[in-house]
PDB file of all heavy atoms in Angstrom:
ATOM      1  N   LEU A   1       0.818  -1.196  -0.011  1.00  0.00           N
ATOM      2  CA  LEU A   1      -0.019   0.019  -0.004  1.00  0.00           C
ATOM      3  C   LEU A   1       0.928   1.241  -0.022  1.00  0.00           C
ATOM      4  O   LEU A   1       1.913   1.272   0.751  1.00  0.00           O
ATOM      5  CB  LEU A   1      -0.846   0.040   1.228  1.00  0.00           C
ATOM      6  CG  LEU A   1      -1.824  -1.133   1.324  1.00  0.00           C
ATOM      7  CD1 LEU A   1      -2.615  -1.085   2.705  1.00  0.00           C
ATOM      8  CD2 LEU A   1      -2.729  -1.358   0.216  1.00  0.00           C
ATOM      9  N   LYS A   2       0.505   2.264  -0.779  1.00  0.00           N
ATOM     10  CA  LYS A   2       1.193   3.534  -0.857  1.00  0.00           C
ATOM     11  C   LYS A   2       0.364   4.640  -0.655  1.00  0.00           C
ATOM     12  O   LYS A   2      -0.753   4.603  -1.275  1.00  0.00           O
ATOM     13  CB  LYS A   2       1.861   3.594  -2.216  1.00  0.00           C
ATOM     14  CG  LYS A   2       2.988   2.543  -2.562  1.00  0.00           C
ATOM     15  CD  LYS A   2       3.538   2.776  -3.983  1.00  0.00           C
ATOM     16  CE  LYS A   2       4.560   1.727  -4.176  1.00  0.00           C
ATOM     17  NZ  LYS A   2       5.242   1.808  -5.585  1.00  0.00           N
ATOM     18  N   GLY A   3       0.658   5.533   0.153  1.00  0.00           N
ATOM     19  CA  GLY A   3      -0.272   6.713   0.444  1.00  0.00           C
ATOM     20  C   GLY A   3      -0.985   6.606   1.789  1.00  0.00           C
ATOM     21  O   GLY A   3      -0.450   6.303   2.811  1.00  0.00           O
ATOM     22  N   ARG A   4      -2.323   6.881   1.653  1.00  0.00           N
ATOM     23  CA  ARG A   4      -3.100   6.887   2.835  1.00  0.00           C
ATOM     24  C   ARG A   4      -4.272   5.943   2.826  1.00  0.00           C
ATOM     25  O   ARG A   4      -5.013   5.889   1.825  1.00  0.00           O
ATOM     26  CB  ARG A   4      -3.712   8.291   2.910  1.00  0.00           C
ATOM     27  CG  ARG A   4      -2.682   9.482   3.092  1.00  0.00           C
ATOM     28  CD  ARG A   4      -3.365  10.860   3.037  1.00  0.00           C
ATOM     29  NE  ARG A   4      -4.338  11.125   3.933  1.00  0.00           N
ATOM     30  CZ  ARG A   4      -4.180  11.570   5.111  1.00  0.00           C
ATOM     31  NH1 ARG A   4      -2.974  11.885   5.541  1.00  0.00           N
ATOM     32  NH2 ARG A   4      -5.237  11.774   5.936  1.00  0.00           N
ATOM     33  N   LEU A   5      -4.454   5.151   3.892  1.00  0.00           N
ATOM     34  CA  LEU A   5      -5.501   4.271   3.997  1.00  0.00           C
ATOM     35  C   LEU A   5      -6.498   4.855   4.974  1.00  0.00           C
ATOM     36  O   LEU A   5      -6.347   4.888   6.144  1.00  0.00           O
ATOM     37  CB  LEU A   5      -5.020   2.839   4.432  1.00  0.00           C
ATOM     38  CG  LEU A   5      -6.044   1.776   4.695  1.00  0.00           C
ATOM     39  CD1 LEU A   5      -6.852   1.563   3.431  1.00  0.00           C
ATOM     40  CD2 LEU A   5      -5.373   0.457   5.126  1.00  0.00           C
ATOM     41  N   ASP A   6      -7.500   5.480   4.307  1.00  0.00           N
ATOM     42  CA  ASP A   6      -8.384   6.290   5.124  1.00  0.00           C
ATOM     43  C   ASP A   6      -9.870   6.069   4.652  1.00  0.00           C
ATOM     44  O   ASP A   6     -10.208   5.111   3.915  1.00  0.00           O
ATOM     45  CB  ASP A   6      -8.130   7.707   5.019  1.00  0.00           C
ATOM     46  CG  ASP A   6      -8.010   8.371   3.775  1.00  0.00           C
ATOM     47  OD1 ASP A   6      -8.598   7.791   2.695  1.00  0.00           O
ATOM     48  OD2 ASP A   6      -7.373   9.388   3.471  1.00  0.00           O
ATOM     49  N   THR A   7     -10.832   6.967   5.098  1.00  0.00           N
ATOM     50  CA  THR A   7     -12.169   6.794   4.763  1.00  0.00           C
ATOM     51  C   THR A   7     -12.399   6.723   3.276  1.00  0.00           C
ATOM     52  O   THR A   7     -13.320   6.067   2.741  1.00  0.00           O
ATOM     53  CB  THR A   7     -13.035   7.895   5.374  1.00  0.00           C
ATOM     54  OG1 THR A   7     -12.764   7.880   6.771  1.00  0.00           O
ATOM     55  CG2 THR A   7     -14.537   7.670   5.099  1.00  0.00           C
ATOM     56  N   THR A   8     -11.672   7.498   2.511  1.00  0.00           N
ATOM     57  CA  THR A   8     -11.869   7.623   1.051  1.00  0.00           C
ATOM     58  C   THR A   8     -11.257   6.284   0.328  1.00  0.00           C
ATOM     59  O   THR A   8     -11.902   5.875  -0.672  1.00  0.00           O
ATOM     60  CB  THR A   8     -11.141   8.787   0.545  1.00  0.00           C
ATOM     61  OG1 THR A   8     -11.544   9.921   1.246  1.00  0.00           O
ATOM     62  CG2 THR A   8     -11.247   8.997  -0.910  1.00  0.00           C
ATOM     63  N   THR A   9     -10.203   5.778   0.832  1.00  0.00           N
ATOM     64  CA  THR A   9      -9.489   4.748   0.073  1.00  0.00           C
ATOM     65  C   THR A   9      -9.773   3.338   0.693  1.00  0.00           C
ATOM     66  O   THR A   9      -9.521   2.373  -0.029  1.00  0.00           O
ATOM     67  CB  THR A   9      -7.949   4.918   0.140  1.00  0.00           C
ATOM     68  OG1 THR A   9      -7.524   5.013   1.516  1.00  0.00           O
ATOM     69  CG2 THR A   9      -7.612   6.251  -0.673  1.00  0.00           C
ATOM     70  N   ALA A  10     -10.214   3.239   1.876  1.00  0.00           N
ATOM     71  CA  ALA A  10     -10.486   1.853   2.457  1.00  0.00           C
ATOM     72  C   ALA A  10     -11.547   1.064   1.725  1.00  0.00           C
ATOM     73  O   ALA A  10     -11.240  -0.107   1.486  1.00  0.00           O
ATOM     74  CB  ALA A  10     -11.022   2.062   3.957  1.00  0.00           C
ATOM     75  N   PRO A  11     -12.573   1.649   1.112  1.00  0.00           N
ATOM     76  CA  PRO A  11     -13.400   0.776   0.252  1.00  0.00           C
ATOM     77  C   PRO A  11     -12.736   0.150  -0.910  1.00  0.00           C
ATOM     78  O   PRO A  11     -13.063  -0.901  -1.377  1.00  0.00           O
ATOM     79  CB  PRO A  11     -14.524   1.760  -0.165  1.00  0.00           C
ATOM     80  CG  PRO A  11     -14.571   2.842   0.888  1.00  0.00           C
ATOM     81  CD  PRO A  11     -13.104   2.991   1.303  1.00  0.00           C
ATOM     82  N   GLN A  12     -11.737   0.840  -1.502  1.00  0.00           N
ATOM     83  CA  GLN A  12     -10.981   0.349  -2.603  1.00  0.00           C
ATOM     84  C   GLN A  12     -10.236  -0.868  -2.126  1.00  0.00           C
ATOM     85  O   GLN A  12     -10.216  -1.966  -2.810  1.00  0.00           O
ATOM     86  CB  GLN A  12      -9.952   1.413  -3.052  1.00  0.00           C
ATOM     87  CG  GLN A  12      -9.039   0.967  -4.213  1.00  0.00           C
ATOM     88  CD  GLN A  12      -7.994   1.886  -4.603  1.00  0.00           C
ATOM     89  OE1 GLN A  12      -7.940   3.000  -3.932  1.00  0.00           O
ATOM     90  NE2 GLN A  12      -7.183   1.621  -5.496  1.00  0.00           N
ATOM     91  N   LEU A  13      -9.501  -0.815  -0.999  1.00  0.00           N
ATOM     92  CA  LEU A  13      -8.791  -1.997  -0.525  1.00  0.00           C
ATOM     93  C   LEU A  13      -9.705  -3.179  -0.117  1.00  0.00           C
ATOM     94  O   LEU A  13      -9.502  -4.322  -0.507  1.00  0.00           O
ATOM     95  CB  LEU A  13      -7.925  -1.555   0.742  1.00  0.00           C
ATOM     96  CG  LEU A  13      -7.214  -2.787   1.388  1.00  0.00           C
ATOM     97  CD1 LEU A  13      -6.158  -3.408   0.380  1.00  0.00           C
ATOM     98  CD2 LEU A  13      -6.493  -2.361   2.685  1.00  0.00           C
ATOM     99  N   GLU A  14     -10.824  -2.810   0.415  1.00  0.00           N
ATOM    100  CA  GLU A  14     -11.818  -3.824   0.781  1.00  0.00           C
ATOM    101  C   GLU A  14     -12.365  -4.564  -0.425  1.00  0.00           C
ATOM    102  O   GLU A  14     -12.447  -5.807  -0.427  1.00  0.00           O
ATOM    103  CB  GLU A  14     -12.996  -3.137   1.539  1.00  0.00           C
ATOM    104  CG  GLU A  14     -14.015  -4.124   2.057  1.00  0.00           C
ATOM    105  CD  GLU A  14     -14.998  -3.476   2.978  1.00  0.00           C
ATOM    106  OE1 GLU A  14     -15.430  -2.303   2.748  1.00  0.00           O
ATOM    107  OE2 GLU A  14     -15.348  -3.981   4.019  1.00  0.00           O
ATOM    108  N   ALA A  15     -12.642  -3.851  -1.488  1.00  0.00           N
ATOM    109  CA  ALA A  15     -13.098  -4.472  -2.812  1.00  0.00           C
ATOM    110  C   ALA A  15     -12.030  -5.387  -3.357  1.00  0.00           C
ATOM    111  O   ALA A  15     -12.329  -6.503  -3.804  1.00  0.00           O
ATOM    112  CB  ALA A  15     -13.534  -3.341  -3.754  1.00  0.00           C
ATOM    113  N   GLU A  16     -10.770  -4.906  -3.297  1.00  0.00           N
ATOM    114  CA  GLU A  16      -9.676  -5.682  -3.852  1.00  0.00           C
ATOM    115  C   GLU A  16      -9.502  -6.991  -3.103  1.00  0.00           C
ATOM    116  O   GLU A  16      -9.308  -8.065  -3.669  1.00  0.00           O
ATOM    117  CB  GLU A  16      -8.290  -4.903  -3.829  1.00  0.00           C
ATOM    118  CG  GLU A  16      -8.283  -3.691  -4.664  1.00  0.00           C
ATOM    119  CD  GLU A  16      -7.870  -3.937  -6.061  1.00  0.00           C
ATOM    120  OE1 GLU A  16      -7.323  -4.981  -6.364  1.00  0.00           O
ATOM    121  OE2 GLU A  16      -7.993  -3.046  -6.871  1.00  0.00           O
ATOM    122  N   LEU A  17      -9.627  -6.882  -1.740  1.00  0.00           N
ATOM    123  CA  LEU A  17      -9.470  -8.053  -0.955  1.00  0.00           C
ATOM    124  C   LEU A  17     -10.598  -9.102  -1.130  1.00  0.00           C
ATOM    125  O   LEU A  17     -10.372 -10.234  -1.297  1.00  0.00           O
ATOM    126  CB  LEU A  17      -9.377  -7.658   0.509  1.00  0.00           C
ATOM    127  CG  LEU A  17      -8.090  -7.083   0.975  1.00  0.00           C
ATOM    128  CD1 LEU A  17      -8.231  -6.510   2.471  1.00  0.00           C
ATOM    129  CD2 LEU A  17      -6.999  -8.122   1.000  1.00  0.00           C
ATOM    130  N   LYS A  18     -11.798  -8.612  -1.265  1.00  0.00           N
ATOM    131  CA  LYS A  18     -12.993  -9.440  -1.427  1.00  0.00           C
ATOM    132  C   LYS A  18     -12.801 -10.210  -2.764  1.00  0.00           C
ATOM    133  O   LYS A  18     -13.138 -11.399  -2.828  1.00  0.00           O
ATOM    134  CB  LYS A  18     -14.235  -8.619  -1.401  1.00  0.00           C
ATOM    135  CG  LYS A  18     -14.735  -8.302  -0.148  1.00  0.00           C
ATOM    136  CD  LYS A  18     -16.126  -7.545  -0.120  1.00  0.00           C
ATOM    137  CE  LYS A  18     -16.494  -7.207   1.255  1.00  0.00           C
ATOM    138  NZ  LYS A  18     -17.761  -6.484   1.413  1.00  0.00           N
ATOM    139  N   ARG A  19     -12.292  -9.526  -3.774  1.00  0.00           N
ATOM    140  CA  ARG A  19     -12.034 -10.231  -5.046  1.00  0.00           C
ATOM    141  C   ARG A  19     -10.964 -11.156  -5.045  1.00  0.00           C
ATOM    142  O   ARG A  19     -11.022 -12.225  -5.779  1.00  0.00           O
ATOM    143  CB  ARG A  19     -11.816  -9.068  -6.144  1.00  0.00           C
ATOM    144  CG  ARG A  19     -11.798  -9.666  -7.542  1.00  0.00           C
ATOM    145  CD  ARG A  19     -11.602  -8.580  -8.691  1.00  0.00           C
ATOM    146  NE  ARG A  19     -10.299  -7.999  -8.599  1.00  0.00           N
ATOM    147  CZ  ARG A  19     -10.090  -6.695  -8.429  1.00  0.00           C
ATOM    148  NH1 ARG A  19     -11.105  -5.866  -8.356  1.00  0.00           N
ATOM    149  NH2 ARG A  19      -8.872  -6.288  -8.455  1.00  0.00           N
ATOM    150  N   ASP A  20      -9.917 -10.953  -4.263  1.00  0.00           N
ATOM    151  CA  ASP A  20      -8.702 -11.745  -4.432  1.00  0.00           C
ATOM    152  C   ASP A  20      -8.394 -12.742  -3.199  1.00  0.00           C
ATOM    153  O   ASP A  20      -7.422 -13.498  -3.317  1.00  0.00           O
ATOM    154  CB  ASP A  20      -7.435 -10.862  -4.625  1.00  0.00           C
ATOM    155  CG  ASP A  20      -7.545 -10.085  -5.868  1.00  0.00           C
ATOM    156  OD1 ASP A  20      -8.073 -10.551  -6.844  1.00  0.00           O
ATOM    157  OD2 ASP A  20      -7.045  -8.886  -5.911  1.00  0.00           O
ATOM    158  N   ILE A  21      -9.139 -12.656  -2.176  1.00  0.00           N
ATOM    159  CA  ILE A  21      -8.690 -13.372  -0.930  1.00  0.00           C
ATOM    160  C   ILE A  21      -9.111 -14.840  -0.935  1.00  0.00           C
ATOM    161  O   ILE A  21      -8.473 -15.658  -0.266  1.00  0.00           O
ATOM    162  CB  ILE A  21      -9.190 -12.602   0.247  1.00  0.00           C
ATOM    163  CG1 ILE A  21      -8.374 -13.007   1.534  1.00  0.00           C
ATOM    164  CG2 ILE A  21     -10.710 -13.047   0.563  1.00  0.00           C
ATOM    165  CD1 ILE A  21      -8.601 -12.135   2.682  1.00  0.00           C
ATOM    166  N   ASN A  22     -10.043 -15.221  -1.834  1.00  0.00           N
ATOM    167  CA  ASN A  22     -10.361 -16.637  -1.901  1.00  0.00           C
ATOM    168  C   ASN A  22      -9.212 -17.580  -2.232  1.00  0.00           C
ATOM    169  O   ASN A  22      -8.528 -17.250  -3.256  1.00  0.00           O
ATOM    170  CB  ASN A  22     -11.526 -16.988  -2.832  1.00  0.00           C
ATOM    171  CG  ASN A  22     -12.797 -16.446  -2.373  1.00  0.00           C
ATOM    172  OD1 ASN A  22     -13.029 -16.268  -1.164  1.00  0.00           O
ATOM    173  ND2 ASN A  22     -13.837 -16.173  -3.230  1.00  0.00           N
ATOM    174  N   GLY A  23      -8.971 -18.603  -1.456  1.00  0.00           N
ATOM    175  CA  GLY A  23      -7.877 -19.548  -1.819  1.00  0.00           C
ATOM    176  C   GLY A  23      -6.548 -19.052  -1.296  1.00  0.00           C
ATOM    177  O   GLY A  23      -5.541 -19.800  -1.338  1.00  0.00           O
ATOM    178  N   VAL A  24      -6.466 -17.900  -0.624  1.00  0.00           N
ATOM    179  CA  VAL A  24      -5.172 -17.292  -0.109  1.00  0.00           C
ATOM    180  C   VAL A  24      -4.882 -17.932   1.238  1.00  0.00           C
ATOM    181  O   VAL A  24      -5.780 -17.922   2.149  1.00  0.00           O
ATOM    182  CB  VAL A  24      -5.194 -15.770  -0.097  1.00  0.00           C
ATOM    183  CG1 VAL A  24      -3.992 -15.273   0.770  1.00  0.00           C
ATOM    184  CG2 VAL A  24      -5.297 -15.195  -1.374  1.00  0.00           C
ATOM    185  N   GLU A  25      -3.709 -18.500   1.512  1.00  0.00           N
ATOM    186  CA  GLU A  25      -3.354 -19.149   2.703  1.00  0.00           C
ATOM    187  C   GLU A  25      -2.378 -18.222   3.523  1.00  0.00           C
ATOM    188  O   GLU A  25      -2.154 -18.363   4.654  1.00  0.00           O
ATOM    189  CB  GLU A  25      -2.723 -20.532   2.510  1.00  0.00           C
ATOM    190  CG  GLU A  25      -3.716 -21.526   1.849  1.00  0.00           C
ATOM    191  CD  GLU A  25      -3.085 -22.837   1.514  1.00  0.00           C
ATOM    192  OE1 GLU A  25      -1.939 -23.029   1.894  1.00  0.00           O
ATOM    193  OE2 GLU A  25      -3.724 -23.605   0.949  1.00  0.00           O
ATOM    194  N   ARG A  26      -1.716 -17.358   2.731  1.00  0.00           N
ATOM    195  CA  ARG A  26      -0.720 -16.401   3.342  1.00  0.00           C
ATOM    196  C   ARG A  26      -1.036 -14.969   2.692  1.00  0.00           C
ATOM    197  O   ARG A  26      -0.713 -14.755   1.494  1.00  0.00           O
ATOM    198  CB  ARG A  26       0.658 -16.930   3.165  1.00  0.00           C
ATOM    199  CG  ARG A  26       1.684 -16.069   3.976  1.00  0.00           C
ATOM    200  CD  ARG A  26       3.058 -16.886   3.843  1.00  0.00           C
ATOM    201  NE  ARG A  26       3.879 -16.340   5.003  1.00  0.00           N
ATOM    202  CZ  ARG A  26       4.925 -15.633   4.671  1.00  0.00           C
ATOM    203  NH1 ARG A  26       5.287 -15.332   3.476  1.00  0.00           N
ATOM    204  NH2 ARG A  26       5.656 -15.027   5.680  1.00  0.00           N
ATOM    205  N   LEU A  27      -1.429 -14.072   3.541  1.00  0.00           N
ATOM    206  CA  LEU A  27      -1.653 -12.751   3.106  1.00  0.00           C
ATOM    207  C   LEU A  27      -0.564 -11.810   3.767  1.00  0.00           C
ATOM    208  O   LEU A  27      -0.437 -11.735   4.960  1.00  0.00           O
ATOM    209  CB  LEU A  27      -3.105 -12.171   3.386  1.00  0.00           C
ATOM    210  CG  LEU A  27      -3.452 -10.760   3.153  1.00  0.00           C
ATOM    211  CD1 LEU A  27      -3.300 -10.406   1.708  1.00  0.00           C
ATOM    212  CD2 LEU A  27      -4.831 -10.484   3.729  1.00  0.00           C
ATOM    213  N   VAL A  28       0.202 -11.118   2.891  1.00  0.00           N
ATOM    214  CA  VAL A  28       1.260 -10.202   3.386  1.00  0.00           C
ATOM    215  C   VAL A  28       1.023  -8.855   2.954  1.00  0.00           C
ATOM    216  O   VAL A  28       0.951  -8.579   1.745  1.00  0.00           O
ATOM    217  CB  VAL A  28       2.682 -10.727   2.952  1.00  0.00           C
ATOM    218  CG1 VAL A  28       3.729  -9.826   3.481  1.00  0.00           C
ATOM    219  CG2 VAL A  28       2.841 -12.224   3.374  1.00  0.00           C
ATOM    220  N   PHE A  29       0.912  -7.938   3.928  1.00  0.00           N
ATOM    221  CA  PHE A  29       0.814  -6.468   3.482  1.00  0.00           C
ATOM    222  C   PHE A  29       2.265  -5.891   3.793  1.00  0.00           C
ATOM    223  O   PHE A  29       2.849  -6.099   4.813  1.00  0.00           O
ATOM    224  CB  PHE A  29      -0.188  -5.811   4.515  1.00  0.00           C
ATOM    225  CG  PHE A  29      -1.564  -5.998   4.259  1.00  0.00           C
ATOM    226  CD1 PHE A  29      -2.336  -6.990   4.952  1.00  0.00           C
ATOM    227  CD2 PHE A  29      -2.208  -5.335   3.162  1.00  0.00           C
ATOM    228  CE1 PHE A  29      -3.605  -7.139   4.655  1.00  0.00           C
ATOM    229  CE2 PHE A  29      -3.618  -5.510   2.929  1.00  0.00           C
ATOM    230  CZ  PHE A  29      -4.311  -6.455   3.604  1.00  0.00           C
ATOM    231  N   ASP A  30       2.607  -4.969   2.854  1.00  0.00           N
ATOM    232  CA  ASP A  30       3.873  -4.251   2.982  1.00  0.00           C
ATOM    233  C   ASP A  30       3.466  -2.803   3.210  1.00  0.00           C
ATOM    234  O   ASP A  30       2.909  -2.175   2.288  1.00  0.00           O
ATOM    235  CB  ASP A  30       4.699  -4.418   1.724  1.00  0.00           C
ATOM    236  CG  ASP A  30       6.186  -3.807   2.014  1.00  0.00           C
ATOM    237  OD1 ASP A  30       6.242  -2.967   2.950  1.00  0.00           O
ATOM    238  OD2 ASP A  30       7.060  -4.113   1.137  1.00  0.00           O
ATOM    239  N   PHE A  31       3.738  -2.215   4.385  1.00  0.00           N
ATOM    240  CA  PHE A  31       3.381  -0.842   4.631  1.00  0.00           C
ATOM    241  C   PHE A  31       4.546   0.153   4.535  1.00  0.00           C
ATOM    242  O   PHE A  31       4.483   1.164   4.980  1.00  0.00           O
ATOM    243  CB  PHE A  31       2.804  -0.789   6.011  1.00  0.00           C
ATOM    244  CG  PHE A  31       1.431  -1.263   6.193  1.00  0.00           C
ATOM    245  CD1 PHE A  31       0.720  -1.844   5.189  1.00  0.00           C
ATOM    246  CD2 PHE A  31       0.719  -1.024   7.457  1.00  0.00           C
ATOM    247  CE1 PHE A  31      -0.582  -2.280   5.394  1.00  0.00           C
ATOM    248  CE2 PHE A  31      -0.608  -1.404   7.618  1.00  0.00           C
ATOM    249  CZ  PHE A  31      -1.221  -2.106   6.582  1.00  0.00           C
ATOM    250  N   ILE A  32       5.587  -0.275   3.802  1.00  0.00           N
ATOM    251  CA  ILE A  32       6.792   0.568   3.694  1.00  0.00           C
ATOM    252  C   ILE A  32       6.470   1.935   3.139  1.00  0.00           C
ATOM    253  O   ILE A  32       7.105   2.942   3.586  1.00  0.00           O
ATOM    254  CB  ILE A  32       7.863  -0.132   2.778  1.00  0.00           C
ATOM    255  CG1 ILE A  32       9.224   0.617   2.896  1.00  0.00           C
ATOM    256  CG2 ILE A  32       7.390  -0.214   1.299  1.00  0.00           C
ATOM    257  CD1 ILE A  32      10.059   0.253   4.001  1.00  0.00           C
ATOM    258  N   ASN A  33       5.491   2.104   2.284  1.00  0.00           N
ATOM    259  CA  ASN A  33       5.081   3.371   1.739  1.00  0.00           C
ATOM    260  C   ASN A  33       3.703   3.860   2.200  1.00  0.00           C
ATOM    261  O   ASN A  33       3.110   4.723   1.560  1.00  0.00           O
ATOM    262  CB  ASN A  33       5.129   3.288   0.221  1.00  0.00           C
ATOM    263  CG  ASN A  33       6.537   3.107  -0.295  1.00  0.00           C
ATOM    264  OD1 ASN A  33       7.416   3.900   0.059  1.00  0.00           O
ATOM    265  ND2 ASN A  33       6.781   2.166  -1.141  1.00  0.00           N
ATOM    266  N   LEU A  34       3.235   3.265   3.288  1.00  0.00           N
ATOM    267  CA  LEU A  34       1.929   3.791   3.809  1.00  0.00           C
ATOM    268  C   LEU A  34       2.198   4.857   4.804  1.00  0.00           C
ATOM    269  O   LEU A  34       2.926   4.763   5.732  1.00  0.00           O
ATOM    270  CB  LEU A  34       1.210   2.543   4.529  1.00  0.00           C
ATOM    271  CG  LEU A  34      -0.272   2.886   4.895  1.00  0.00           C
ATOM    272  CD1 LEU A  34      -1.144   3.093   3.654  1.00  0.00           C
ATOM    273  CD2 LEU A  34      -0.851   1.809   5.784  1.00  0.00           C
ATOM    274  N   GLU A  35       1.585   6.099   4.465  1.00  0.00           N
ATOM    275  CA  GLU A  35       1.833   7.218   5.235  1.00  0.00           C
ATOM    276  C   GLU A  35       0.836   7.402   6.418  1.00  0.00           C
ATOM    277  O   GLU A  35       1.140   8.057   7.448  1.00  0.00           O
ATOM    278  CB  GLU A  35       1.714   8.464   4.369  1.00  0.00           C
ATOM    279  CG  GLU A  35       2.731   8.447   3.161  1.00  0.00           C
ATOM    280  CD  GLU A  35       2.334   9.409   2.059  1.00  0.00           C
ATOM    281  OE1 GLU A  35       1.360  10.106   2.212  1.00  0.00           O
ATOM    282  OE2 GLU A  35       3.071   9.345   1.125  1.00  0.00           O
ATOM    283  N   TYR A  36      -0.423   6.988   6.214  1.00  0.00           N
ATOM    284  CA  TYR A  36      -1.487   7.235   7.310  1.00  0.00           C
ATOM    285  C   TYR A  36      -2.477   6.114   7.260  1.00  0.00           C
ATOM    286  O   TYR A  36      -2.765   5.429   6.162  1.00  0.00           O
ATOM    287  CB  TYR A  36      -2.211   8.537   6.750  1.00  0.00           C
ATOM    288  CG  TYR A  36      -3.392   8.948   7.635  1.00  0.00           C
ATOM    289  CD1 TYR A  36      -3.135   9.497   8.908  1.00  0.00           C
ATOM    290  CD2 TYR A  36      -4.668   8.618   7.239  1.00  0.00           C
ATOM    291  CE1 TYR A  36      -4.232   9.848   9.684  1.00  0.00           C
ATOM    292  CE2 TYR A  36      -5.769   9.002   8.042  1.00  0.00           C
ATOM    293  CZ  TYR A  36      -5.582   9.579   9.279  1.00  0.00           C
ATOM    294  OH  TYR A  36      -6.593   9.921  10.084  1.00  0.00           O
ATOM    295  N   LEU A  37      -2.992   5.840   8.445  1.00  0.00           N
ATOM    296  CA  LEU A  37      -4.007   4.741   8.621  1.00  0.00           C
ATOM    297  C   LEU A  37      -5.158   5.299   9.479  1.00  0.00           C
ATOM    298  O   LEU A  37      -4.820   5.792  10.695  1.00  0.00           O
ATOM    299  CB  LEU A  37      -3.260   3.576   9.197  1.00  0.00           C
ATOM    300  CG  LEU A  37      -4.272   2.390   9.656  1.00  0.00           C
ATOM    301  CD1 LEU A  37      -4.794   1.723   8.398  1.00  0.00           C
ATOM    302  CD2 LEU A  37      -3.358   1.431  10.369  1.00  0.00           C
ATOM    303  N   SER A  38      -6.354   5.315   9.033  1.00  0.00           N
ATOM    304  CA  SER A  38      -7.437   5.726   9.837  1.00  0.00           C
ATOM    305  C   SER A  38      -8.219   4.544  10.411  1.00  0.00           C
ATOM    306  O   SER A  38      -8.002   3.474  10.116  1.00  0.00           O
ATOM    307  CB  SER A  38      -8.414   6.597   8.987  1.00  0.00           C
ATOM    308  OG  SER A  38      -9.213   5.782   8.123  1.00  0.00           O
ATOM    309  N   SER A  39      -9.315   4.840  11.093  1.00  0.00           N
ATOM    310  CA  SER A  39     -10.175   3.869  11.657  1.00  0.00           C
ATOM    311  C   SER A  39     -10.883   3.034  10.572  1.00  0.00           C
ATOM    312  O   SER A  39     -11.031   1.854  10.816  1.00  0.00           O
ATOM    313  CB  SER A  39     -11.271   4.433  12.646  1.00  0.00           C
ATOM    314  OG  SER A  39     -12.024   5.408  11.989  1.00  0.00           O
ATOM    315  N   ALA A  40     -11.167   3.687   9.529  1.00  0.00           N
ATOM    316  CA  ALA A  40     -11.715   2.907   8.390  1.00  0.00           C
ATOM    317  C   ALA A  40     -10.765   1.921   7.815  1.00  0.00           C
ATOM    318  O   ALA A  40     -11.098   0.767   7.442  1.00  0.00           O
ATOM    319  CB  ALA A  40     -12.195   3.916   7.238  1.00  0.00           C
ATOM    320  N   GLY A  41      -9.465   2.317   7.818  1.00  0.00           N
ATOM    321  CA  GLY A  41      -8.458   1.301   7.336  1.00  0.00           C
ATOM    322  C   GLY A  41      -8.238   0.213   8.313  1.00  0.00           C
ATOM    323  O   GLY A  41      -8.106  -0.935   7.961  1.00  0.00           O
TER     324      GLY A  41
END
């Protein structure tokens, strides 16, 4: 993730996860470029 995970962008991540998480046994998030995280994130 790059940028801000907030009220505006959280639905985008949620949609991506719903689409891609089936069959995943190991989910790794890299926050090296994440600048901000809100309660929505």
